C-alpha atoms as a PDB file:
ATOM      1  CA  MET A   1       0.029  -0.003  -0.257  1.00  0.00           C
ATOM      2  CA  PRO A   2       1.579   3.289  -0.932  1.00  0.00           C
ATOM      3  CA  LYS A   3       1.836   5.843   1.778  1.00  0.00           C
ATOM      4  CA  ALA A   4       0.890   9.703   1.479  1.00  0.00           C
ATOM      5  CA  LEU A   5       1.393  12.727   3.915  1.00  0.00           C
ATOM      6  CA  VAL A   6      -0.995  15.416   2.910  1.00  0.00           C
ATOM      7  CA  LEU A   7      -0.065  19.151   4.491  1.00  0.00           C
ATOM      8  CA  GLY A   8      -3.167  20.759   5.456  1.00  0.00           C
ATOM      9  CA  GLY A   9      -5.154  17.337   4.866  1.00  0.00           C
ATOM     10  CA  ALA A  10      -7.120  17.627   7.886  1.00  0.00           C
ATOM     11  CA  THR A  11      -8.913  21.402   7.319  1.00  0.00           C
ATOM     12  CA  GLY A  12      -7.941  22.862   3.880  1.00  0.00           C
ATOM     13  CA  LEU A  13     -10.354  22.786   1.148  1.00  0.00           C
ATOM     14  CA  LEU A  14      -8.071  20.953  -1.328  1.00  0.00           C
ATOM     15  CA  GLY A  15      -6.106  18.984   1.616  1.00  0.00           C
ATOM     16  CA  ARG A  16      -9.476  17.531   2.688  1.00  0.00           C
ATOM     17  CA  ALA A  17     -10.029  16.579  -1.045  1.00  0.00           C
ATOM     18  CA  LEU A  18      -6.562  14.832  -1.260  1.00  0.00           C
ATOM     19  CA  THR A  19      -6.912  12.984   1.595  1.00  0.00           C
ATOM     20  CA  ARG A  20     -10.407  11.542   0.722  1.00  0.00           C
ATOM     21  CA  VAL A  21      -9.496  10.669  -2.961  1.00  0.00           C
ATOM     22  CA  LEU A  22      -6.227   9.009  -1.725  1.00  0.00           C
ATOM     23  CA  SER A  23      -8.041   6.853   0.611  1.00  0.00           C
ATOM     24  CA  GLU A  24     -10.681   5.853  -1.630  1.00  0.00           C
ATOM     25  CA  GLU A  25      -7.809   4.818  -4.043  1.00  0.00           C
ATOM     26  CA  GLY A  26      -6.581   2.721  -1.059  1.00  0.00           C
ATOM     27  CA  TRP A  27      -3.451   4.856  -0.244  1.00  0.00           C
ATOM     28  CA  GLY A  28      -2.467   5.037   3.508  1.00  0.00           C
ATOM     29  CA  VAL A  29      -2.984   8.760   4.408  1.00  0.00           C
ATOM     30  CA  GLU A  30      -1.515  10.777   6.974  1.00  0.00           C
ATOM     31  CA  THR A  31      -2.391  14.596   7.413  1.00  0.00           C
ATOM     32  CA  LEU A  32      -0.186  17.464   8.956  1.00  0.00           C
ATOM     33  CA  GLY A  33      -1.325  20.748   9.598  1.00  0.00           C
ATOM     34  CA  ARG A  34      -0.778  23.932  12.070  1.00  0.00           C
ATOM     35  CA  ALA A  35      -2.904  22.392  14.660  1.00  0.00           C
ATOM     36  CA  ASP A  36      -0.436  19.286  14.861  1.00  0.00           C
ATOM     37  CA  GLY A  37       2.648  21.652  15.602  1.00  0.00           C
ATOM     38  CA  ASP A  38       4.611  24.380  13.871  1.00  0.00           C
ATOM     39  CA  VAL A  39       4.982  22.959  10.289  1.00  0.00           C
ATOM     40  CA  THR A  40       7.312  25.770   9.566  1.00  0.00           C
ATOM     41  CA  ASN A  41       9.832  24.688  12.038  1.00  0.00           C
ATOM     42  CA  SER A  42      12.485  22.751  10.164  1.00  0.00           C
ATOM     43  CA  ALA A  43      13.414  20.262  13.087  1.00  0.00           C
ATOM     44  CA  PHE A  44       9.381  19.644  13.403  1.00  0.00           C
ATOM     45  CA  LEU A  45       8.903  19.311  10.010  1.00  0.00           C
ATOM     46  CA  ALA A  46      11.772  16.906   9.406  1.00  0.00           C
ATOM     47  CA  LYS A  47      10.747  14.575  12.428  1.00  0.00           C
ATOM     48  CA  ARG A  48       7.270  14.288  10.999  1.00  0.00           C
ATOM     49  CA  LEU A  49       8.492  13.435   7.493  1.00  0.00           C
ATOM     50  CA  ALA A  50      10.516  10.556   8.792  1.00  0.00           C
ATOM     51  CA  LYS A  51       8.138   9.193  11.184  1.00  0.00           C
ATOM     52  CA  SER A  52       5.422   9.236   7.976  1.00  0.00           C
ATOM     53  CA  ALA A  53       8.101   7.565   5.468  1.00  0.00           C
ATOM     54  CA  ALA A  54       5.570   8.852   3.123  1.00  0.00           C
ATOM     55  CA  ASP A  55       6.105   7.450  -0.689  1.00  0.00           C
ATOM     56  CA  VAL A  56       4.616  11.077  -1.515  1.00  0.00           C
ATOM     57  CA  VAL A  57       4.254  14.429   0.131  1.00  0.00           C
ATOM     58  CA  PHE A  58       1.404  16.669  -1.053  1.00  0.00           C
ATOM     59  CA  ASN A  59       1.868  20.047   0.175  1.00  0.00           C
ATOM     60  CA  ALA A  60      -1.657  21.706   0.142  1.00  0.00           C
ATOM     61  CA  VAL A  61      -0.720  24.447   2.923  1.00  0.00           C
ATOM     62  CA  ALA A  62      -0.646  28.220   1.751  1.00  0.00           C
ATOM     63  CA  TRP A  63      -0.975  31.371   2.726  1.00  0.00           C
ATOM     64  CA  THR A  64      -4.046  32.229   0.593  1.00  0.00           C
ATOM     65  CA  ARG A  65      -5.530  35.323   1.792  1.00  0.00           C
ATOM     66  CA  VAL A  66      -4.350  37.328  -1.135  1.00  0.00           C
ATOM     67  CA  ASP A  67      -5.252  41.049   0.343  1.00  0.00           C
ATOM     68  CA  ASP A  68      -3.928  40.310   3.761  1.00  0.00           C
ATOM     69  CA  ALA A  69      -0.503  39.369   2.077  1.00  0.00           C
ATOM     70  CA  GLU A  70       0.046  42.623   0.846  1.00  0.00           C
ATOM     71  CA  GLU A  71      -0.008  43.918   4.593  1.00  0.00           C
ATOM     72  CA  ARG A  72       1.579  40.821   6.204  1.00  0.00           C
ATOM     73  CA  PRO A  73       4.261  39.770   3.522  1.00  0.00           C
ATOM     74  CA  ARG A  74       6.571  38.079   5.955  1.00  0.00           C
ATOM     75  CA  GLN A  75       3.857  35.408   6.922  1.00  0.00           C
ATOM     76  CA  ALA A  76       2.885  35.087   3.380  1.00  0.00           C
ATOM     77  CA  ARG A  77       6.481  34.285   2.500  1.00  0.00           C
ATOM     78  CA  LEU A  78       6.837  32.071   5.289  1.00  0.00           C
ATOM     79  CA  LEU A  79       4.039  29.621   4.402  1.00  0.00           C
ATOM     80  CA  ASN A  80       4.053  30.048   0.454  1.00  0.00           C
ATOM     81  CA  CYS A  81       7.890  30.052  -0.142  1.00  0.00           C
ATOM     82  CA  ALA A  82       9.853  28.871   3.063  1.00  0.00           C
ATOM     83  CA  LEU A  83       7.762  26.023   3.899  1.00  0.00           C
ATOM     84  CA  PRO A  84       7.856  24.482   0.263  1.00  0.00           C
ATOM     85  CA  ASP A  85      11.399  25.281   0.207  1.00  0.00           C
ATOM     86  CA  THR A  86      12.250  23.393   3.621  1.00  0.00           C
ATOM     87  CA  LEU A  87      10.224  20.435   2.630  1.00  0.00           C
ATOM     88  CA  ALA A  88      12.209  20.082  -0.367  1.00  0.00           C
ATOM     89  CA  HIS A  89      15.410  20.501   1.391  1.00  0.00           C
ATOM     90  CA  ILE A  90      14.417  17.305   3.979  1.00  0.00           C
ATOM     91  CA  LEU A  91      13.182  15.252   1.393  1.00  0.00           C
ATOM     92  CA  LYS A  92      16.416  15.757  -0.598  1.00  0.00           C
ATOM     93  CA  SER A  93      18.269  14.926   2.659  1.00  0.00           C
ATOM     94  CA  MET A  94      16.376  11.950   3.386  1.00  0.00           C
ATOM     95  CA  GLY A  95      17.026  10.606  -0.149  1.00  0.00           C
ATOM     96  CA  GLN A  96      13.244   9.458  -0.682  1.00  0.00           C
ATOM     97  CA  GLY A  97       9.636  10.723  -0.966  1.00  0.00           C
ATOM     98  CA  HIS A  98       8.080  12.492  -4.106  1.00  0.00           C
ATOM     99  CA  LEU A  99       6.567  16.112  -3.274  1.00  0.00           C
ATOM    100  CA  VAL A 100       3.793  17.352  -5.205  1.00  0.00           C
ATOM    101  CA  HIS A 101       3.439  20.784  -4.616  1.00  0.00           C
ATOM    102  CA  PHE A 102       0.407  23.327  -5.355  1.00  0.00           C
ATOM    103  CA  SER A 103       0.700  26.773  -6.922  1.00  0.00           C
ATOM    104  CA  THR A 104      -1.590  29.342  -8.484  1.00  0.00           C
ATOM    105  CA  ASP A 105      -2.709  31.168 -11.480  1.00  0.00           C
ATOM    106  CA  PHE A 106      -1.852  34.251  -9.891  1.00  0.00           C
ATOM    107  CA  VAL A 107       2.129  33.798 -11.008  1.00  0.00           C
ATOM    108  CA  PHE A 108       0.515  35.460 -14.328  1.00  0.00           C
ATOM    109  CA  SER A 109       0.331  39.119 -15.245  1.00  0.00           C
ATOM    110  CA  GLY A 110      -3.060  38.800 -16.614  1.00  0.00           C
ATOM    111  CA  GLN A 111      -2.063  40.797 -19.700  1.00  0.00           C
ATOM    112  CA  GLY A 112      -2.613  38.077 -22.501  1.00  0.00           C
ATOM    113  CA  GLU A 113      -4.597  36.547 -25.380  1.00  0.00           C
ATOM    114  CA  HIS A 114      -4.115  33.106 -24.778  1.00  0.00           C
ATOM    115  CA  ALA A 115      -4.457  30.409 -22.202  1.00  0.00           C
ATOM    116  CA  TRP A 116      -1.616  30.582 -19.857  1.00  0.00           C
ATOM    117  CA  ARG A 117       0.709  27.274 -20.626  1.00  0.00           C
ATOM    118  CA  GLU A 118       3.523  25.923 -18.385  1.00  0.00           C
ATOM    119  CA  ASP A 119       6.428  27.599 -20.623  1.00  0.00           C
ATOM    120  CA  ASP A 120       4.940  31.239 -20.276  1.00  0.00           C
ATOM    121  CA  THR A 121       6.731  33.539 -18.279  1.00  0.00           C
ATOM    122  CA  PRO A 122       5.269  34.430 -14.752  1.00  0.00           C
ATOM    123  CA  ALA A 123       4.787  38.168 -14.105  1.00  0.00           C
ATOM    124  CA  PRO A 124       3.151  38.592 -10.558  1.00  0.00           C
ATOM    125  CA  LEU A 125       1.005  41.371  -9.518  1.00  0.00           C
ATOM    126  CA  SER A 126       0.802  40.758  -5.805  1.00  0.00           C
ATOM    127  CA  ILE A 127       2.579  39.765  -2.732  1.00  0.00           C
ATOM    128  CA  TYR A 128       0.739  36.391  -2.807  1.00  0.00           C
ATOM    129  CA  GLY A 129       1.710  35.870  -6.310  1.00  0.00           C
ATOM    130  CA  LEU A 130       5.084  36.748  -5.927  1.00  0.00           C
ATOM    131  CA  THR A 131       5.679  34.282  -2.927  1.00  0.00           C
ATOM    132  CA  LYS A 132       3.941  31.481  -4.656  1.00  0.00           C
ATOM    133  CA  LEU A 133       6.107  31.833  -7.643  1.00  0.00           C
ATOM    134  CA  ALA A 134       9.172  31.891  -5.301  1.00  0.00           C
ATOM    135  CA  GLY A 135       7.878  28.681  -3.587  1.00  0.00           C
ATOM    136  CA  GLU A 136       7.541  26.579  -6.736  1.00  0.00           C
ATOM    137  CA  ARG A 137      10.705  27.535  -7.831  1.00  0.00           C
ATOM    138  CA  ALA A 138      12.470  26.793  -4.638  1.00  0.00           C
ATOM    139  CA  VAL A 139      10.657  23.389  -4.955  1.00  0.00           C
ATOM    140  CA  LEU A 140      11.996  22.581  -8.213  1.00  0.00           C
ATOM    141  CA  LYS A 141      15.565  23.982  -7.878  1.00  0.00           C
ATOM    142  CA  THR A 142      16.022  21.746  -4.720  1.00  0.00           C
ATOM    143  CA  LEU A 143      14.106  18.826  -5.895  1.00  0.00           C
ATOM    144  CA  PRO A 144      14.076  18.382  -9.656  1.00  0.00           C
ATOM    145  CA  GLY A 145      13.797  14.834 -10.357  1.00  0.00           C
ATOM    146  CA  ARG A 146      11.528  14.148  -7.302  1.00  0.00           C
ATOM    147  CA  ALA A 147       9.210  17.125  -7.343  1.00  0.00           C
ATOM    148  CA  CYS A 148       6.000  18.574  -9.461  1.00  0.00           C
ATOM    149  CA  VAL A 149       4.203  21.758  -9.044  1.00  0.00           C
ATOM    150  CA  LEU A 150       0.602  22.087 -10.004  1.00  0.00           C
ATOM    151  CA  ARG A 151      -0.595  25.390 -10.838  1.00  0.00           C
ATOM    152  CA  THR A 152      -4.323  25.551 -10.365  1.00  0.00           C
ATOM    153  CA  ALA A 153      -7.223  28.165  -9.809  1.00  0.00           C
ATOM    154  CA  TRP A 154     -10.595  29.289  -8.527  1.00  0.00           C
ATOM    155  CA  LEU A 155     -11.182  26.307  -6.413  1.00  0.00           C
ATOM    156  CA  PHE A 156     -14.647  24.868  -5.314  1.00  0.00           C
ATOM    157  CA  GLY A 157     -15.483  21.972  -3.382  1.00  0.00           C
ATOM    158  CA  PRO A 158     -17.097  20.125  -0.380  1.00  0.00           C
ATOM    159  CA  GLY A 159     -16.062  20.640   3.302  1.00  0.00           C
ATOM    160  CA  ARG A 160     -14.405  24.141   3.411  1.00  0.00           C
ATOM    161  CA  LYS A 161     -15.665  27.618   2.434  1.00  0.00           C
ATOM    162  CA  ASN A 162     -15.486  28.811  -0.809  1.00  0.00           C
ATOM    163  CA  PHE A 163     -16.721  31.315  -3.713  1.00  0.00           C
ATOM    164  CA  VAL A 164     -19.400  28.972  -4.788  1.00  0.00           C
ATOM    165  CA  GLN A 165     -20.984  28.198  -1.368  1.00  0.00           C
ATOM    166  CA  ALA A 166     -20.699  32.050  -0.131  1.00  0.00           C
ATOM    167  CA  ILE A 167     -22.568  32.767  -3.397  1.00  0.00           C
ATOM    168  CA  LEU A 168     -25.012  30.377  -2.735  1.00  0.00           C
ATOM    169  CA  HIS A 169     -25.748  31.146   0.999  1.00  0.00           C
ATOM    170  CA  LYS A 170     -25.968  35.073   0.123  1.00  0.00           C
ATOM    171  CA  SER A 171     -28.237  34.126  -2.784  1.00  0.00           C
ATOM    172  CA  ARG A 172     -30.837  32.590  -0.395  1.00  0.00           C
ATOM    173  CA  THR A 173     -31.609  35.924   1.317  1.00  0.00           C
ATOM    174  CA  ALA A 174     -31.085  38.501  -1.465  1.00  0.00           C
ATOM    175  CA  ASP A 175     -32.683  39.387  -4.587  1.00  0.00           C
ATOM    176  CA  SER A 176     -29.717  40.433  -6.376  1.00  0.00           C
ATOM    177  CA  VAL A 177     -25.856  39.967  -5.814  1.00  0.00           C
ATOM    178  CA  GLU A 178     -22.768  42.092  -7.151  1.00  0.00           C
ATOM    179  CA  VAL A 179     -20.031  40.172  -8.963  1.00  0.00           C
ATOM    180  CA  VAL A 180     -17.002  41.297 -10.811  1.00  0.00           C
ATOM    181  CA  PHE A 181     -17.064  40.315 -14.253  1.00  0.00           C
ATOM    182  CA  ASP A 182     -13.787  41.650 -15.527  1.00  0.00           C
ATOM    183  CA  GLN A 183     -11.521  38.629 -14.474  1.00  0.00           C
ATOM    184  CA  THR A 184     -11.539  35.654 -16.387  1.00  0.00           C
ATOM    185  CA  GLY A 185     -10.229  32.204 -15.363  1.00  0.00           C
ATOM    186  CA  SER A 186     -10.527  28.929 -14.933  1.00  0.00           C
ATOM    187  CA  PRO A 187     -12.865  27.266 -12.133  1.00  0.00           C
ATOM    188  CA  THR A 188     -11.899  24.055 -10.661  1.00  0.00           C
ATOM    189  CA  TYR A 189     -13.494  21.228  -9.008  1.00  0.00           C
ATOM    190  CA  THR A 190     -11.169  20.007  -5.655  1.00  0.00           C
ATOM    191  CA  LEU A 191     -12.149  16.481  -6.277  1.00  0.00           C
ATOM    192  CA  ASP A 192     -11.100  16.652 -10.005  1.00  0.00           C
ATOM    193  CA  LEU A 193      -7.924  18.375  -8.974  1.00  0.00           C
ATOM    194  CA  ALA A 194      -6.988  15.588  -6.296  1.00  0.00           C
ATOM    195  CA  ARG A 195      -7.737  12.735  -8.980  1.00  0.00           C
ATOM    196  CA  TRP A 196      -5.210  14.680 -11.436  1.00  0.00           C
ATOM    197  CA  SER A 197      -2.867  15.123  -8.478  1.00  0.00           C
ATOM    198  CA  LEU A 198      -3.018  11.414  -7.605  1.00  0.00           C
ATOM    199  CA  ALA A 199      -2.453  10.200 -11.075  1.00  0.00           C
ATOM    200  CA  LEU A 200       0.336  12.463 -11.646  1.00  0.00           C
ATOM    201  CA  ALA A 201       2.034  11.198  -8.073  1.00  0.00           C
ATOM    202  CA  ALA A 202       1.791   7.755  -8.975  1.00  0.00           C
ATOM    203  CA  LYS A 203       3.741   8.024 -11.767  1.00  0.00           C
ATOM    204  CA  ARG A 204       6.226  10.279 -10.333  1.00  0.00           C
ATOM    205  CA  ALA A 205       5.649  13.045 -12.445  1.00  0.00           C
ATOM    206  CA  THR A 206       8.041  16.075 -12.457  1.00  0.00           C
ATOM    207  CA  GLY A 207       8.217  19.814 -13.448  1.00  0.00           C
ATOM    208  CA  ILE A 208       5.226  22.165 -13.695  1.00  0.00           C
ATOM    209  CA  TRP A 209       1.734  21.264 -14.721  1.00  0.00           C
ATOM    210  CA  HIS A 210      -1.311  23.498 -15.130  1.00  0.00           C
ATOM    211  CA  ALA A 211      -4.239  21.402 -13.582  1.00  0.00           C
ATOM    212  CA  VAL A 212      -7.674  23.102 -13.739  1.00  0.00           C
ATOM    213  CA  ASN A 213     -11.136  22.122 -15.134  1.00  0.00           C
ATOM    214  CA  SER A 214     -11.629  23.101 -19.141  1.00  0.00           C
ATOM    215  CA  GLU A 215     -13.340  26.394 -20.194  1.00  0.00           C
ATOM    216  CA  GLN A 216     -13.406  29.444 -18.602  1.00  0.00           C
ATOM    217  CA  ALA A 217     -15.501  31.896 -16.930  1.00  0.00           C
ATOM    218  CA  ASN A 218     -15.496  35.419 -15.313  1.00  0.00           C
ATOM    219  CA  TRP A 219     -16.550  35.627 -11.306  1.00  0.00           C
ATOM    220  CA  ALA A 220     -19.908  36.843 -12.899  1.00  0.00           C
ATOM    221  CA  GLU A 221     -20.537  33.812 -15.018  1.00  0.00           C
ATOM    222  CA  LEU A 222     -19.033  31.447 -12.276  1.00  0.00           C
ATOM    223  CA  ALA A 223     -22.028  32.928  -9.903  1.00  0.00           C
ATOM    224  CA  ALA A 224     -24.805  32.591 -12.401  1.00  0.00           C
ATOM    225  CA  GLU A 225     -24.278  29.304 -13.066  1.00  0.00           C
ATOM    226  CA  ALA A 226     -24.132  27.820  -9.572  1.00  0.00           C
ATOM    227  CA  ILE A 227     -27.467  30.158  -8.645  1.00  0.00           C
ATOM    228  CA  ALA A 228     -28.966  28.478 -11.685  1.00  0.00           C
ATOM    229  CA  LEU A 229     -28.242  25.193 -10.834  1.00  0.00           C
ATOM    230  CA  ALA A 230     -28.992  25.466  -7.429  1.00  0.00           C
ATOM    231  CA  GLY A 231     -32.610  26.639  -8.561  1.00  0.00           C
ATOM    232  CA  GLY A 232     -32.143  29.883  -7.197  1.00  0.00           C
ATOM    233  CA  ALA A 233     -33.797  33.155  -8.407  1.00  0.00           C
ATOM    234  CA  CYS A 234     -31.250  35.658  -7.129  1.00  0.00           C
ATOM    235  CA  GLN A 235     -30.082  38.078 -10.163  1.00  0.00           C
ATOM    236  CA  VAL A 236     -26.338  38.190 -10.591  1.00  0.00           C
ATOM    237  CA  ILE A 237     -25.039  41.986 -11.377  1.00  0.00           C
ATOM    238  CA  PRO A 238     -21.983  42.316 -13.255  1.00  0.00           C
ATOM    239  CA  ILE A 239     -19.548  45.058 -11.847  1.00  0.00           C
ATOM    240  CA  THR A 240     -16.056  46.053 -12.685  1.00  0.00           C
ATOM    241  CA  SER A 241     -12.818  45.517 -10.551  1.00  0.00           C
ATOM    242  CA  GLU A 242     -12.932  49.241  -9.834  1.00  0.00           C
ATOM    243  CA  GLN A 243     -16.511  48.901  -8.173  1.00  0.00           C
ATOM    244  CA  TRP A 244     -15.090  46.297  -5.864  1.00  0.00           C
ATOM    245  CA  PRO A 245     -11.730  47.626  -5.148  1.00  0.00           C
ATOM    246  CA  GLN A 246      -9.330  45.047  -3.434  1.00  0.00           C
ATOM    247  CA  LYS A 247      -5.831  45.702  -1.718  1.00  0.00           C
ATOM    248  CA  ALA A 248      -4.163  43.411  -3.976  1.00  0.00           C
ATOM    249  CA  ARG A 249      -3.912  43.431  -7.837  1.00  0.00           C
ATOM    250  CA  ARG A 250      -5.612  40.195  -9.720  1.00  0.00           C
ATOM    251  CA  PRO A 251      -4.972  39.090 -13.022  1.00  0.00           C
ATOM    252  CA  ALA A 252      -7.628  40.073 -15.547  1.00  0.00           C
ATOM    253  CA  TRP A 253      -6.808  36.955 -17.670  1.00  0.00           C
ATOM    254  CA  SER A 254      -5.537  33.879 -15.755  1.00  0.00           C
ATOM    255  CA  VAL A 255      -6.921  31.198 -17.788  1.00  0.00           C
ATOM    256  CA  LEU A 256      -4.641  27.967 -17.473  1.00  0.00           C
ATOM    257  CA  ASP A 257      -3.933  25.859 -20.587  1.00  0.00           C
ATOM    258  CA  ALA A 258      -4.205  22.124 -19.333  1.00  0.00           C
ATOM    259  CA  THR A 259      -3.113  20.387 -22.610  1.00  0.00           C
ATOM    260  CA  LYS A 260      -0.129  18.997 -21.215  1.00  0.00           C
ATOM    261  CA  LEU A 261      -2.257  17.448 -18.364  1.00  0.00           C
ATOM    262  CA  GLY A 262      -4.784  16.201 -20.994  1.00  0.00           C
ATOM    263  CA  ALA A 263      -2.293  14.498 -22.909  1.00  0.00           C
ATOM    264  CA  PHE A 264      -1.113  13.024 -19.537  1.00  0.00           C
ATOM    265  CA  LEU A 265      -4.605  11.699 -18.471  1.00  0.00           C
ATOM    266  CA  GLY A 266      -5.711  10.524 -22.198  1.00  0.00           C
ATOM    267  CA  GLN A 267      -8.439  12.913 -22.519  1.00  0.00           C
ATOM    268  CA  PRO A 268      -8.880  16.753 -21.681  1.00  0.00           C
ATOM    269  CA  PRO A 269      -9.979  17.618 -17.929  1.00  0.00           C
ATOM    270  CA  ARG A 270     -13.751  17.926 -17.976  1.00  0.00           C
ATOM    271  CA  PRO A 271     -15.717  21.256 -18.353  1.00  0.00           C
ATOM    272  CA  TRP A 272     -15.790  23.281 -15.091  1.00  0.00           C
ATOM    273  CA  PRO A 273     -19.748  23.364 -15.408  1.00  0.00           C
ATOM    274  CA  GLN A 274     -20.167  19.758 -15.293  1.00  0.00           C
ATOM    275  CA  ALA A 275     -17.954  19.569 -12.230  1.00  0.00           C
ATOM    276  CA  LEU A 276     -20.158  22.173 -10.615  1.00  0.00           C
ATOM    277  CA  ARG A 277     -23.156  20.090 -11.217  1.00  0.00           C
ATOM    278  CA  ASP A 278     -21.749  17.357  -9.546  1.00  0.00           C
ATOM    279  CA  TYR A 279     -20.386  19.392  -6.646  1.00  0.00           C
ATOM    280  CA  LEU A 280     -23.821  20.735  -5.987  1.00  0.00           C
ATOM    281  CA  HIS A 281     -25.686  17.593  -6.555  1.00  0.00           C
ATOM    282  CA  ASN A 282     -23.444  15.943  -3.948  1.00  0.00           C
ATOM    283  CA  ALA A 283     -23.593  19.007  -1.492  1.00  0.00           C
ATOM    284  CA  PHE A 284     -27.378  18.618  -1.576  1.00  0.00           C
ATOM    285  CA  HIS A 285     -27.503  15.035  -1.079  1.00  0.00           C
ATOM    286  CA  THR A 286     -24.912  14.887   1.703  1.00  0.00           C
ATOM    287  CA  ASP A 287     -23.980  16.839   4.722  1.00  0.00           C
ATOM    288  CA  ASP A 288     -21.663  19.252   2.678  1.00  0.00           C
ATOM    289  CA  ASP A 289     -23.000  22.560   2.701  1.00  0.00           C
ATOM    290  CA  ALA A 290     -23.086  24.358  -0.382  1.00  0.00           C
END
């Protein structure tokens, strides 16, 4: 039985999806998070990695509060750059274990005409994007033959608050909701992402991979589709980013090209509206709160 250690696997949106899928596929799974100790402490981390003897380590821990990162850059760097760098160095010194690290569409500028490919030049607009880019570079520099970086985006899924859940919650008590329409990206279902991650890990894939559901959407389109699928009557009112000011700059165009992943899987990732239907269907028939 292969063994996995999932950082963030007990509480995180992606981590919980990874833990669920790995368990369903017969892997032995351990989780590690900030509730277990200081994951940024190298001695603590080394001890836990050695004890787990995991074949694959999945790092789903990150500072994801994009706006807060602008005011707390040190904390963002600690989780988004220093932690993955430490993980890679410990695994290198151990001489065993494959690392799957997750990154983001925010490493790109948002100024482009095509979906971003793995070999396109990053140019982050925010502290969050800068620290995530530094983290993925540290991983691949230290552990090039035993690590892969999965860039993903716009996650929705069971077990943790996300954009879709928040929109549906608001739509139950409001006649209308304002949502930005001038940011376009790749909505991604966490359970799909977890399955792709497992497939890549099983083959010990290396390098950078874009892992998102196919087709693009802006935030207003994603909100409208979620409300429609849930049978709601709330109206989505599109607004510009200037009408919803935030501290951190967001890329206006952050659609990721998952052609490389599709070739590996033997078929393209399914479209996000199909994945969204599955998420909402499962949420309404289980204890998961959509």
